[in-house]
Amino acid sequence: MSDTPFVVVVVALAALVAAAVLLHLRARVARATRRQLVNIQARVGGILESAMDAVISVDESQRIVIFNGAAERVFRWPRTAVIGQRLDMLLPERYRGAHAAHIEAFGRGDGHARGMGPRTVLNGLRADGEEFPIEASISRHEEDGRKLFTVILRDVNERIQAEARLARSEARLRSILDSAMDAIITVDESQHIVLFNEAAERVFGCPRHEALGAPLSWFIPERFRAGHAGHMRRFGETGATTRRMGEQRVVTGLRRNGEEFPIEASISQIEEQGHKFFTVILRDVTERHRAGKALEHTREELRKLAIAAGTAREQEMSRIARELHDELGQGLTSLKIDLAWLREHLGETPLPVNTKLAAMQVLLDGTVAATRRISANLRPLMLDDLGLRAAAEWLVQSFSQRTGIAVELAMGQNLDLEDPYATTVFRVLQESLTNIAKHADASAVEIALDREGDMVTLMVRDNGKGFASNQAPGPGSFGLLGMRERVALLKGEVQVASRPGEGATIEMRLPLADHGGAA
């Protein structure tokens, strides 16, 4: 029994030691917790101070308890001036009641945060009274039974101004695009339309809201769609940013009512954020094509009229030449015969009579020669009677005899041409020799006349003094112009090459229509 008090004492001492140890441990934990709390507060404070967005916390009475450095810069208030003040001081007066009600309603709700996604843009109020747009999100938490509201906000004044400038620029661009007389269409890489101006609406008969997002193939006839898609793909692969209007392609467009029409287009491409966009500027050339066809029809009619007029002129010249040759020539020849008979049968006559008769003989001989020359110049009868080959030989022979210029003539086969081809070839050769006789001072001429299939070719080359090919012809010099026009009426061409001191070469190429030309 004597050991019982000792045991009690030992137990009591052990309990005291355990209690002391426990108190010590709790004190250590408390100190560590306080240190952790201080560290957390320091970290949070550092985060808040380093944040680029303004962070403001308010209590249930909407008095400010946290106001970070970014908030000081945004609102231009020092922290000491706003801590403990109502949040209303940072809002324009007209928004204060609604904003307070908004926070109270948020506090009564179930949500604890409203993320940056569904942001609200409102106005803040700086210390100097300047209003500015802000973008904000709000969250809620509780501490010791008190609700705290934290607002994270951002000054979006520069962004709003930039967006306004962008909107104005887009409006100006839209105005420019819509005032353009040409249709402008932009498509993405999948060739779906992302831009469609007013001119495009008018050209294709399709409202913009229907065209946007639609495939470009809507406006291309089905038979051309595959080829157009390939063309766009190849253009994208070239890397060229644009194809100038000088390299336009005339293609066919398709209106929404199914009508096809000709268009003239140019294309450009641009890359934005890794995506390619293609812009086509096009013009409805229906009226121009219609006018062009009408003009071509008129030109063809004028060409046929000119050919008919030329043929009629040649026929009239042929008629006059034949009358000169047959009627007047024969009459003059008869007079020559009668005059010779008269001189033979008069016998002895006075000298004055013989002199007069001799003068009459000379005059008649000259008149006959002049009549033949005029008749031949109007149109050589052998061109109608014997054909182009004989007429060309006669013309060359007459030219050489009259001028003393040596001529080398080479002619191919199958030169029996119908009119107006035979007449045109003869007149070009005649005008070429006339020009040589008048202007070239040549001593030799080379002529080659041939037919290759449905093409007649003529080359006349001289060794005369030549001239500058770009030299304007002198007054009344219509020889070359007349040759070109005469040949052009039959869809041929005449080329002249010459240099001073190196002679001149005239080349004619004359196609025979419908494989014709043979007599």
Protein backbone atom coordinates (compact mmCIF):
# COMPACT_ATOMS: atom_id res chain seq x y z
CA MET A 1 0.00 0.00 0.00
CA SER A 2 2.97 2.29 0.62
CA ASP A 3 3.89 2.28 -3.12
CA THR A 4 0.59 3.77 -4.30
CA PRO A 5 1.41 7.46 -3.75
CA PHE A 6 4.67 7.00 -5.60
CA VAL A 7 2.93 5.55 -8.61
CA VAL A 8 0.43 8.38 -8.60
CA VAL A 9 3.21 10.90 -8.55
CA VAL A 10 5.00 9.20 -11.44
CA VAL A 11 1.86 9.11 -13.50
CA ALA A 12 1.17 12.73 -12.76
CA LEU A 13 4.68 13.72 -13.74
CA ALA A 14 4.37 11.73 -16.98
CA ALA A 15 1.12 13.45 -17.76
CA LEU A 16 2.69 16.84 -17.12
CA VAL A 17 5.61 16.00 -19.39
CA ALA A 18 3.27 14.78 -22.11
CA ALA A 19 1.19 17.91 -21.80
CA ALA A 20 4.28 20.05 -21.98
CA VAL A 21 5.49 18.22 -25.06
CA LEU A 22 2.06 18.54 -26.66
CA LEU A 23 1.94 22.26 -25.92
CA HIS A 24 5.38 22.65 -27.37
CA LEU A 25 4.42 20.80 -30.51
CA ARG A 26 1.24 22.86 -30.90
CA ALA A 27 3.26 26.04 -30.48
CA ARG A 28 5.67 24.89 -33.17
CA VAL A 29 2.77 24.04 -35.50
CA ALA A 30 1.16 27.40 -34.80
CA ARG A 31 4.42 29.21 -35.53
CA ALA A 32 4.87 27.19 -38.73
CA THR A 33 1.26 27.89 -39.74
CA ARG A 34 1.75 31.60 -39.12
CA ARG A 35 4.93 31.52 -41.18
CA GLN A 36 3.12 29.64 -43.96
CA LEU A 37 0.26 32.12 -43.78
CA VAL A 38 2.71 35.01 -43.99
CA ASN A 39 4.46 33.33 -46.90
CA ILE A 40 1.15 32.68 -48.66
CA GLN A 41 0.08 36.25 -48.07
CA ALA A 42 3.44 37.42 -49.41
CA ARG A 43 3.12 35.20 -52.45
CA VAL A 44 -0.44 36.28 -53.08
CA GLY A 45 0.58 39.89 -52.58
CA GLY A 46 3.46 39.43 -55.00
CA ILE A 47 1.16 37.84 -57.53
CA LEU A 48 -1.36 40.61 -57.14
CA GLU A 49 1.31 43.27 -57.51
CA SER A 50 2.85 41.63 -60.54
CA ALA A 51 -0.51 41.15 -62.23
CA MET A 52 -0.99 43.22 -65.40
CA ASP A 53 -4.74 43.44 -64.75
CA ALA A 54 -6.26 45.53 -62.00
CA VAL A 55 -7.44 43.43 -59.01
CA ILE A 56 -9.93 44.91 -56.54
CA SER A 57 -11.60 43.09 -53.64
CA VAL A 58 -14.56 44.48 -51.72
CA ASP A 59 -16.48 43.26 -48.70
CA GLU A 60 -20.21 42.76 -48.38
CA SER A 61 -20.71 46.49 -47.92
CA GLN A 62 -18.74 46.99 -51.20
CA ARG A 63 -15.85 48.72 -49.47
CA ILE A 64 -12.46 48.17 -50.99
CA VAL A 65 -10.10 45.86 -49.08
CA ILE A 66 -7.58 45.02 -51.85
CA PHE A 67 -6.29 47.44 -54.50
CA ASN A 68 -3.21 46.23 -56.39
CA GLY A 69 -0.57 48.22 -58.23
CA ALA A 70 -2.21 47.72 -61.62
CA ALA A 71 -5.42 49.16 -60.16
CA GLU A 72 -3.47 52.21 -58.99
CA ARG A 73 -2.13 52.72 -62.54
CA VAL A 74 -5.50 52.17 -64.18
CA PHE A 75 -7.58 54.39 -61.88
CA ARG A 76 -4.71 56.82 -61.01
CA TRP A 77 -5.63 56.61 -57.33
CA PRO A 78 -3.04 55.75 -54.65
CA ARG A 79 -3.88 52.64 -52.66
CA THR A 80 -4.10 54.51 -49.37
CA ALA A 81 -6.80 56.77 -50.79
CA VAL A 82 -9.17 53.97 -51.79
CA ILE A 83 -8.76 51.24 -49.16
CA GLY A 84 -11.91 51.32 -47.05
CA GLN A 85 -13.80 53.46 -49.58
CA ARG A 86 -16.85 52.26 -51.47
CA LEU A 87 -16.33 50.78 -54.89
CA ASP A 88 -18.73 53.39 -56.28
CA MET A 89 -15.94 55.96 -56.32
CA LEU A 90 -14.40 54.07 -59.27
CA LEU A 91 -17.61 54.15 -61.37
CA PRO A 92 -19.41 56.98 -63.18
CA GLU A 93 -22.37 58.09 -61.12
CA ARG A 94 -24.95 56.88 -63.66
CA TYR A 95 -23.76 53.29 -63.27
CA ARG A 96 -23.39 53.10 -59.48
CA GLY A 97 -26.88 51.93 -58.51
CA ALA A 98 -27.04 49.26 -61.19
CA HIS A 99 -23.54 48.01 -60.40
CA ALA A 100 -24.26 47.70 -56.65
CA ALA A 101 -27.43 45.76 -57.41
CA HIS A 102 -25.48 43.54 -59.81
CA ILE A 103 -22.93 42.59 -57.09
CA GLU A 104 -25.67 41.96 -54.53
CA ALA A 105 -27.50 39.70 -56.98
CA PHE A 106 -24.26 37.87 -57.72
CA GLY A 107 -23.72 37.39 -53.98
CA ARG A 108 -27.11 35.78 -53.61
CA GLY A 109 -26.56 33.41 -56.50
CA ASP A 110 -25.09 29.93 -56.49
CA GLY A 111 -22.08 30.65 -58.66
CA HIS A 112 -18.72 31.55 -57.16
CA ALA A 113 -17.14 33.06 -60.24
CA ARG A 114 -18.01 34.54 -63.58
CA GLY A 115 -15.12 33.77 -65.87
CA MET A 116 -13.41 36.02 -68.39
CA GLY A 117 -15.39 34.31 -71.17
CA PRO A 118 -18.73 36.02 -70.57
CA ARG A 119 -17.09 39.36 -69.98
CA THR A 120 -18.95 42.60 -69.44
CA VAL A 121 -17.69 45.86 -70.92
CA LEU A 122 -18.57 48.93 -68.84
CA ASN A 123 -17.03 52.27 -67.94
CA GLY A 124 -14.60 53.12 -65.16
CA LEU A 125 -13.79 56.51 -63.63
CA ARG A 126 -10.22 57.70 -63.08
CA ALA A 127 -9.16 60.01 -60.28
CA ASP A 128 -9.06 62.97 -62.72
CA GLY A 129 -12.68 62.37 -63.77
CA GLU A 130 -11.86 60.70 -67.11
CA GLU A 131 -14.15 57.86 -68.09
CA PHE A 132 -12.72 54.85 -69.89
CA PRO A 133 -13.96 51.42 -71.01
CA ILE A 134 -13.09 48.40 -68.88
CA GLU A 135 -13.59 44.69 -69.27
CA ALA A 136 -14.22 42.81 -66.02
CA SER A 137 -14.85 39.45 -64.40
CA ILE A 138 -16.01 38.84 -60.82
CA SER A 139 -15.57 36.06 -58.26
CA ARG A 140 -16.84 35.45 -54.71
CA HIS A 141 -15.41 33.69 -51.64
CA GLU A 142 -15.96 33.66 -47.89
CA GLU A 143 -13.54 34.38 -45.04
CA ASP A 144 -14.61 33.96 -41.41
CA GLY A 145 -18.22 34.05 -42.48
CA ARG A 146 -17.80 37.19 -44.52
CA LYS A 147 -18.34 37.37 -48.24
CA LEU A 148 -15.62 39.00 -50.30
CA PHE A 149 -15.97 39.93 -53.97
CA THR A 150 -12.93 40.19 -56.23
CA VAL A 151 -13.09 42.01 -59.55
CA ILE A 152 -10.37 41.54 -62.15
CA LEU A 153 -10.55 44.27 -64.74
CA ARG A 154 -8.64 45.55 -67.72
CA ASP A 155 -8.42 48.98 -69.34
CA VAL A 156 -9.54 48.25 -72.93
CA ASN A 157 -9.49 51.85 -74.12
CA GLU A 158 -6.70 51.23 -76.63
CA ARG A 159 -8.34 48.05 -77.83
CA ILE A 160 -11.71 49.77 -78.26
CA GLN A 161 -10.04 52.58 -80.19
CA ALA A 162 -8.14 50.07 -82.32
CA GLU A 163 -11.37 48.18 -82.98
CA ALA A 164 -13.07 51.45 -83.87
CA ARG A 165 -10.24 52.32 -86.25
CA LEU A 166 -10.45 48.82 -87.71
CA ALA A 167 -14.21 49.15 -88.08
CA ARG A 168 -13.79 52.50 -89.84
CA SER A 169 -11.13 51.01 -92.11
CA GLU A 170 -13.37 48.05 -92.88
CA ALA A 171 -16.25 50.43 -93.57
CA ARG A 172 -14.06 52.48 -95.92
CA LEU A 173 -12.86 49.30 -97.63
CA ARG A 174 -16.42 48.06 -97.93
CA SER A 175 -17.47 51.41 -99.37
CA ILE A 176 -14.63 51.27 -101.89
CA LEU A 177 -15.41 47.68 -102.82
CA ASP A 178 -19.11 48.40 -103.17
CA SER A 179 -18.47 51.49 -105.28
CA ALA A 180 -16.21 49.51 -107.64
CA MET A 181 -17.65 48.99 -111.11
CA ASP A 182 -16.02 45.56 -111.37
CA ALA A 183 -17.23 42.53 -109.47
CA ILE A 184 -14.84 41.50 -106.66
CA ILE A 185 -15.01 38.03 -105.12
CA THR A 186 -12.68 36.57 -102.50
CA VAL A 187 -12.61 32.84 -101.76
CA ASP A 188 -10.72 30.74 -99.22
CA GLU A 189 -8.59 27.67 -99.94
CA SER A 190 -11.69 25.51 -100.24
CA GLN A 191 -13.00 28.01 -102.83
CA HIS A 192 -15.90 29.16 -100.68
CA ILE A 193 -16.83 32.83 -100.93
CA VAL A 194 -15.85 35.17 -98.09
CA LEU A 195 -16.28 38.51 -99.89
CA PHE A 196 -18.89 39.48 -102.47
CA ASN A 197 -19.31 43.15 -103.38
CA GLU A 198 -22.34 44.96 -104.79
CA ALA A 199 -21.08 44.79 -108.36
CA ALA A 200 -20.84 41.00 -107.99
CA GLU A 201 -24.46 40.97 -106.79
CA ARG A 202 -25.52 42.85 -109.92
CA VAL A 203 -23.37 40.80 -112.30
CA PHE A 204 -24.39 37.38 -111.03
CA GLY A 205 -27.91 38.29 -109.91
CA CYS A 206 -27.29 36.88 -106.44
CA PRO A 207 -27.72 38.71 -103.10
CA ARG A 208 -24.66 38.90 -100.89
CA HIS A 209 -26.14 36.98 -97.96
CA GLU A 210 -26.73 33.99 -100.23
CA ALA A 211 -23.31 34.14 -101.87
CA LEU A 212 -21.23 34.37 -98.67
CA GLY A 213 -20.14 30.88 -97.69
CA ALA A 214 -21.33 29.39 -100.98
CA PRO A 215 -18.90 27.57 -103.31
CA LEU A 216 -17.47 29.58 -106.17
CA SER A 217 -18.70 26.84 -108.51
CA TRP A 218 -22.17 28.38 -108.18
CA PHE A 219 -21.05 30.99 -110.68
CA ILE A 220 -19.16 28.75 -113.13
CA PRO A 221 -20.82 26.59 -115.81
CA GLU A 222 -20.52 22.91 -114.90
CA ARG A 223 -18.34 22.03 -117.89
CA PHE A 224 -15.68 24.54 -116.75
CA ARG A 225 -15.64 23.80 -113.01
CA ALA A 226 -12.93 21.14 -112.96
CA GLY A 227 -10.66 23.20 -115.20
CA HIS A 228 -11.21 26.33 -113.12
CA ALA A 229 -10.43 24.49 -109.87
CA GLY A 230 -7.20 23.22 -111.41
CA HIS A 231 -6.33 26.70 -112.62
CA MET A 232 -6.82 28.13 -109.11
CA ARG A 233 -4.73 25.33 -107.59
CA ARG A 234 -1.87 25.85 -110.03
CA PHE A 235 -1.96 29.61 -109.46
CA GLY A 236 -1.74 29.03 -105.71
CA GLU A 237 1.29 26.77 -106.20
CA THR A 238 3.15 29.35 -108.28
CA GLY A 239 3.51 31.72 -105.33
CA ALA A 240 2.73 34.69 -107.56
CA THR A 241 0.77 37.31 -105.65
CA THR A 242 -1.18 38.61 -108.62
CA ARG A 243 -1.80 38.19 -112.29
CA ARG A 244 -1.94 41.57 -113.97
CA MET A 245 -4.93 42.68 -116.05
CA GLY A 246 -2.71 42.53 -119.10
CA GLU A 247 -2.73 38.74 -118.67
CA GLN A 248 -6.49 38.51 -118.45
CA ARG A 249 -8.43 35.40 -119.36
CA VAL A 250 -11.81 35.66 -121.00
CA VAL A 251 -13.96 32.93 -119.47
CA THR A 252 -17.64 32.20 -119.03
CA GLY A 253 -19.67 33.07 -115.94
CA LEU A 254 -23.02 31.72 -114.77
CA ARG A 255 -25.77 33.91 -113.36
CA ARG A 256 -28.09 32.52 -110.71
CA ASN A 257 -30.88 32.37 -113.27
CA GLY A 258 -28.78 29.96 -115.36
CA GLU A 259 -27.70 32.48 -118.01
CA GLU A 260 -24.11 32.16 -119.22
CA PHE A 261 -22.14 35.27 -120.11
CA PRO A 262 -18.54 36.20 -120.98
CA ILE A 263 -16.33 37.67 -118.27
CA GLU A 264 -12.83 39.07 -118.18
CA ALA A 265 -10.95 38.28 -114.98
CA SER A 266 -7.71 38.77 -113.08
CA ILE A 267 -6.68 36.94 -109.92
CA SER A 268 -4.51 37.64 -106.89
CA GLN A 269 -3.68 35.71 -103.74
CA ILE A 270 -2.70 36.59 -100.19
CA GLU A 271 -1.83 34.53 -97.13
CA GLU A 272 -3.26 35.36 -93.72
CA GLN A 273 -2.36 33.35 -90.61
CA GLY A 274 -1.31 30.38 -92.69
CA HIS A 275 -4.41 30.40 -94.88
CA LYS A 276 -4.57 31.43 -98.52
CA PHE A 277 -7.27 33.67 -99.93
CA PHE A 278 -7.85 34.27 -103.63
CA THR A 279 -9.44 37.45 -104.95
CA VAL A 280 -10.92 37.56 -108.43
CA ILE A 281 -11.71 40.90 -110.09
CA LEU A 282 -13.99 40.34 -113.03
CA ARG A 283 -15.96 42.31 -115.55
CA ASP A 284 -19.08 41.41 -117.51
CA VAL A 285 -18.03 41.94 -121.12
CA THR A 286 -21.31 40.84 -122.67
CA GLU A 287 -21.97 44.23 -124.26
CA ARG A 288 -18.38 44.55 -125.42
CA HIS A 289 -18.50 41.11 -127.01
CA ARG A 290 -21.82 41.93 -128.63
CA ALA A 291 -20.38 45.23 -129.91
CA GLY A 292 -17.24 43.42 -131.04
CA LYS A 293 -19.26 40.89 -132.98
CA ALA A 294 -21.34 43.67 -134.50
CA LEU A 295 -18.16 45.54 -135.42
CA GLU A 296 -16.64 42.40 -136.91
CA HIS A 297 -19.83 41.83 -138.87
CA THR A 298 -19.70 45.43 -140.10
CA ARG A 299 -16.05 45.07 -141.02
CA GLU A 300 -16.80 41.88 -142.92
CA GLU A 301 -19.62 43.62 -144.77
CA LEU A 302 -17.34 46.55 -145.58
CA ARG A 303 -14.64 44.14 -146.72
CA LYS A 304 -17.07 42.36 -149.01
CA LEU A 305 -18.36 45.71 -150.24
CA ALA A 306 -14.81 46.88 -150.95
CA ILE A 307 -14.06 43.64 -152.79
CA ALA A 308 -17.25 44.03 -154.79
CA ALA A 309 -16.40 47.66 -155.51
CA GLY A 310 -12.90 46.68 -156.56
CA THR A 311 -14.23 43.90 -158.75
CA ALA A 312 -16.73 46.28 -160.32
CA ARG A 313 -13.97 48.81 -160.88
CA GLU A 314 -11.75 46.19 -162.50
CA GLN A 315 -14.65 45.03 -164.63
CA GLU A 316 -15.33 48.60 -165.75
CA MET A 317 -11.65 49.13 -166.47
CA SER A 318 -11.64 45.85 -168.39
CA ARG A 319 -14.66 47.00 -170.38
CA ILE A 320 -13.06 50.36 -171.17
CA ALA A 321 -9.75 48.70 -172.04
CA ARG A 322 -11.49 46.26 -174.34
CA GLU A 323 -13.45 49.06 -176.03
CA LEU A 324 -10.26 51.04 -176.46
CA HIS A 325 -8.53 47.99 -177.86
CA ASP A 326 -11.34 46.66 -179.99
CA GLU A 327 -13.35 49.65 -181.13
CA LEU A 328 -11.02 52.63 -180.98
CA GLY A 329 -7.97 50.53 -181.80
CA GLN A 330 -9.64 48.92 -184.75
CA GLY A 331 -10.95 52.28 -185.98
CA LEU A 332 -7.47 53.79 -185.78
CA THR A 333 -6.03 50.79 -187.56
CA SER A 334 -8.58 51.18 -190.33
CA LEU A 335 -7.62 54.85 -190.65
CA LYS A 336 -3.96 53.82 -190.97
CA ILE A 337 -4.87 51.38 -193.73
CA ASP A 338 -6.98 53.97 -195.55
CA LEU A 339 -4.24 56.58 -195.22
CA ALA A 340 -1.67 54.18 -196.65
CA TRP A 341 -4.03 53.37 -199.55
CA LEU A 342 -4.60 57.05 -200.17
CA ARG A 343 -0.88 57.81 -200.29
CA GLU A 344 -0.35 54.87 -202.63
CA HIS A 345 -3.08 55.87 -205.12
CA LEU A 346 -2.67 59.62 -205.21
CA GLY A 347 0.34 59.39 -207.49
CA GLU A 348 2.17 62.62 -208.08
CA THR A 349 1.02 65.12 -205.46
CA PRO A 350 2.30 68.47 -204.38
CA LEU A 351 4.89 68.46 -201.59
CA PRO A 352 2.65 70.08 -199.00
CA VAL A 353 0.09 67.28 -199.47
CA ASN A 354 2.75 64.57 -199.05
CA THR A 355 4.05 66.34 -195.97
CA LYS A 356 0.57 66.51 -194.45
CA LEU A 357 -0.07 62.85 -195.21
CA ALA A 358 3.23 61.82 -193.59
CA ALA A 359 2.36 63.87 -190.48
CA MET A 360 -1.03 62.20 -190.34
CA GLN A 361 0.68 58.80 -190.57
CA VAL A 362 2.95 59.64 -187.62
CA LEU A 363 0.02 60.98 -185.57
CA LEU A 364 -2.02 57.86 -186.25
CA ASP A 365 0.88 55.59 -185.26
CA GLY A 366 1.31 57.52 -181.99
CA THR A 367 -2.41 57.46 -181.28
CA VAL A 368 -2.57 53.69 -181.85
CA ALA A 369 0.40 53.15 -179.53
CA ALA A 370 -1.10 55.44 -176.87
CA THR A 371 -4.43 53.66 -177.13
CA ARG A 372 -2.76 50.29 -176.63
CA ARG A 373 -0.71 51.63 -173.70
CA ILE A 374 -3.77 53.17 -172.02
CA SER A 375 -5.74 49.98 -172.59
CA ALA A 376 -2.97 47.85 -171.14
CA ASN A 377 -2.53 50.13 -168.13
CA LEU A 378 -6.24 50.07 -167.43
CA ARG A 379 -6.23 46.27 -167.47
CA PRO A 380 -4.20 43.98 -169.72
CA LEU A 381 -6.64 41.93 -171.74
CA MET A 382 -4.37 38.91 -171.52
CA LEU A 383 -5.04 38.75 -167.74
CA ASP A 384 -8.64 37.93 -168.59
CA ASP A 385 -7.88 35.98 -171.74
CA LEU A 386 -4.67 34.08 -170.87
CA GLY A 387 -4.44 34.25 -167.05
CA LEU A 388 -2.04 35.50 -164.38
CA ARG A 389 1.08 33.74 -165.63
CA ALA A 390 0.93 35.27 -169.12
CA ALA A 391 -0.02 38.70 -167.73
CA ALA A 392 2.92 38.66 -165.28
CA GLU A 393 5.35 37.69 -168.07
CA TRP A 394 4.01 40.48 -170.30
CA LEU A 395 4.22 43.02 -167.44
CA VAL A 396 7.82 42.10 -166.62
CA GLN A 397 8.85 42.16 -170.27
CA SER A 398 7.23 45.57 -170.81
CA PHE A 399 8.88 46.93 -167.65
CA SER A 400 12.32 45.71 -168.68
CA GLN A 401 11.96 47.10 -172.22
CA ARG A 402 10.71 50.46 -170.97
CA THR A 403 13.25 50.99 -168.15
CA GLY A 404 16.25 48.92 -169.26
CA ILE A 405 16.34 47.23 -165.83
CA ALA A 406 17.23 43.53 -165.84
CA VAL A 407 14.50 41.37 -164.31
CA GLU A 408 14.77 37.77 -163.14
CA LEU A 409 11.32 36.18 -162.96
CA ALA A 410 10.64 32.82 -161.27
CA MET A 411 7.10 31.44 -161.22
CA GLY A 412 5.78 28.26 -159.73
CA GLN A 413 2.98 26.00 -160.86
CA ASN A 414 -0.82 26.21 -160.49
CA LEU A 415 -1.07 30.01 -160.79
CA ASP A 416 -4.39 29.99 -162.63
CA LEU A 417 -6.32 32.01 -160.04
CA GLU A 418 -9.84 33.34 -160.05
CA ASP A 419 -10.68 36.96 -159.48
CA PRO A 420 -10.27 38.89 -157.27
CA TYR A 421 -7.08 36.94 -156.40
CA ALA A 422 -5.51 37.08 -159.86
CA THR A 423 -6.20 40.81 -160.16
CA THR A 424 -4.80 41.49 -156.67
CA VAL A 425 -1.54 39.63 -157.36
CA PHE A 426 -1.16 41.38 -160.71
CA ARG A 427 -1.82 44.84 -159.22
CA VAL A 428 0.69 44.30 -156.39
CA LEU A 429 3.33 43.24 -158.92
CA GLN A 430 2.43 46.17 -161.16
CA GLU A 431 2.62 48.72 -158.31
CA SER A 432 5.92 47.25 -157.08
CA LEU A 433 7.52 47.62 -160.51
CA THR A 434 6.07 51.12 -160.88
CA ASN A 435 7.66 52.15 -157.56
CA ILE A 436 11.00 50.69 -158.62
CA ALA A 437 10.88 52.57 -161.90
CA LYS A 438 10.01 55.86 -160.16
CA HIS A 439 12.13 55.80 -157.00
CA ALA A 440 14.64 52.95 -156.72
CA ASP A 441 17.41 53.79 -159.24
CA ALA A 442 17.88 50.02 -159.47
CA SER A 443 19.76 48.03 -162.10
CA ALA A 444 18.35 44.60 -161.29
CA VAL A 445 15.09 43.18 -159.97
CA GLU A 446 14.33 39.69 -158.68
CA ILE A 447 10.74 38.41 -158.72
CA ALA A 448 9.40 35.13 -157.28
CA LEU A 449 5.72 34.20 -157.66
CA ASP A 450 4.53 30.89 -156.28
CA ARG A 451 1.62 29.02 -154.75
CA GLU A 452 1.98 26.68 -151.80
CA GLY A 453 -1.28 24.91 -151.09
CA ASP A 454 -3.82 27.61 -150.33
CA MET A 455 -1.26 30.41 -150.03
CA VAL A 456 -0.01 32.59 -152.90
CA THR A 457 3.33 34.31 -152.26
CA LEU A 458 5.01 37.11 -154.17
CA MET A 459 8.48 38.53 -153.55
CA VAL A 460 9.90 41.57 -155.40
CA ARG A 461 13.47 42.58 -154.53
CA ASP A 462 15.56 45.34 -156.11
CA ASN A 463 19.15 46.51 -155.65
CA GLY A 464 18.27 50.20 -155.65
CA LYS A 465 18.97 52.96 -153.16
CA GLY A 466 16.42 51.74 -150.64
CA PHE A 467 14.79 53.78 -147.89
CA ALA A 468 14.17 53.74 -144.14
CA SER A 469 11.29 51.31 -143.43
CA ASN A 470 9.93 53.60 -140.70
CA GLN A 471 10.08 56.64 -142.94
CA ALA A 472 6.70 58.28 -143.51
CA PRO A 473 5.67 58.32 -147.19
CA GLY A 474 5.72 61.66 -148.95
CA PRO A 475 2.64 63.56 -150.10
CA GLY A 476 0.68 61.59 -152.67
CA SER A 477 2.67 58.40 -151.99
CA PHE A 478 -0.18 55.93 -151.74
CA GLY A 479 1.38 53.01 -153.61
CA LEU A 480 2.40 50.89 -150.59
CA LEU A 481 -0.75 51.86 -148.72
CA GLY A 482 -2.89 50.85 -151.68
CA MET A 483 -1.10 47.50 -151.93
CA ARG A 484 -1.62 46.76 -148.25
CA GLU A 485 -5.29 47.69 -148.34
CA ARG A 486 -5.96 45.69 -151.50
CA VAL A 487 -4.31 42.58 -150.02
CA ALA A 488 -5.85 43.10 -146.55
CA LEU A 489 -9.34 42.99 -148.10
CA LEU A 490 -8.59 39.37 -148.99
CA LYS A 491 -7.13 38.72 -145.50
CA GLY A 492 -3.57 38.72 -146.74
CA GLU A 493 -0.55 40.79 -145.72
CA VAL A 494 2.22 42.81 -147.33
CA GLN A 495 5.59 43.35 -145.64
CA VAL A 496 8.19 45.84 -146.79
CA ALA A 497 11.85 45.63 -145.73
CA SER A 498 14.42 48.19 -146.76
CA ARG A 499 17.49 50.11 -145.63
CA PRO A 500 19.13 53.10 -147.25
CA GLY A 501 21.65 51.88 -149.83
CA GLU A 502 20.53 48.24 -149.55
CA GLY A 503 17.55 48.09 -151.88
CA ALA A 504 14.04 47.05 -150.90
CA THR A 505 12.07 43.82 -150.62
CA ILE A 506 8.29 43.54 -150.86
CA GLU A 507 6.70 40.27 -149.74
CA MET A 508 3.03 39.40 -150.13
CA ARG A 509 1.17 36.43 -148.62
CA LEU A 510 -2.37 35.93 -149.89
CA PRO A 511 -4.60 33.09 -148.57
CA LEU A 512 -7.10 31.60 -150.98
CA ALA A 513 -10.53 31.34 -149.38
CA ASP A 514 -12.24 27.93 -149.29
CA HIS A 515 -9.36 26.34 -151.17
CA GLY A 516 -10.47 28.39 -154.16
CA GLY A 517 -8.55 30.41 -156.61
CA ALA A 518 -8.33 27.88 -159.40
CA ALA A 519 -9.92 28.90 -162.67
